[in-house]
């Protein structure tokens, strides 16, 4: 995103060219990582969500010979592990493969492991003003849970990649993986020099936001609820955990396809049913495999030779609980409206 200064008595714009972190002596671990680690509000502003960092340079693997280190390990409000990988150089080469490796290696971590990891982190970071013995209570407070009972950690960690730019190889890979149920974000950060001040600009380039929230649509005669898209709340990684958290979705809950994946695409009835199987995954009756609802829409389209288009679906807007016509996305927004939430 270009940055301008306003010049000549508010009559002209002067483009501020981006610089590089190396040009200003800004290092990846000592500076960028530390700034995001220590400033929760900055991390939230850059990622667009509240995250609790539970470890830095995480390397507690069962294979003691592995020297792999996760830059920042966090959890989100939906009890998902979040891997944050940072690069200060252009292109971000191979960082998506590195992050995938980490996600696989850490996917079995449960709440007990998260608490132990956070406790160790607090012991080595006394400036955080949270005593290590308060690790579990701090995590439960962040998750808005009264106790650890019923807290389920997803076995599919999320990934956030942060770099000055990303190669087309990386963005192509990330798009393909997201279509298959993973949750990977690409965020570009760039430094700018304006006079004596050094500024940092961030821009989330993937996943692309749906245009639904920017379009006014006519009302539906059938009484269908028409709701705007806000941030990530209609995508599978947000809507599904929200409904799980409010006990609308439980393991074993049956869902069925209630909207056309693509106009005039004929979908056999055998492909229209699935069961919630934990995390963001649903067990598809057609092949017995687990998918996110978004990835399941893509798979249905592919199997029926439909036009894939961008290959991107907000899955919860296509599926409803068995016996209902209101989609999961609509159900979530109705619940938010009833509670007065934004």
Foldseek 3Di string as FASTA:
>chain_A
DWDWDQDDVNPDTHTFDFDACVVVPHDWQPHVLVVCQQDQVVVCVQVVFGKAWQAAQDDPAPPPPDNQGQGTWIAGLLQAIEGEAEDRDAACPPVVVSVVVVLLRCLPDWPVNSLVSSLVRCVVVVVVVDHSVCSSVVVCVSNVHPDPPPRTYGSGHAYEYEYQYHDPVVVVVVLVVVLFAHHYWYKHWTWTDDPPDIDIDIDTPPPDDDCQQVDDDDDDPVPADRDHDDDCCLALQHLVSVCVVVVVADFFFKKFFQDDLDPPQDFDRQQGMWTDHDRQWTQTSVPRDIGHQSNSSLVRCVVSVHDCVSSGDSRQCGMDTPPDNHGSSNVSVVVCVVVVHD
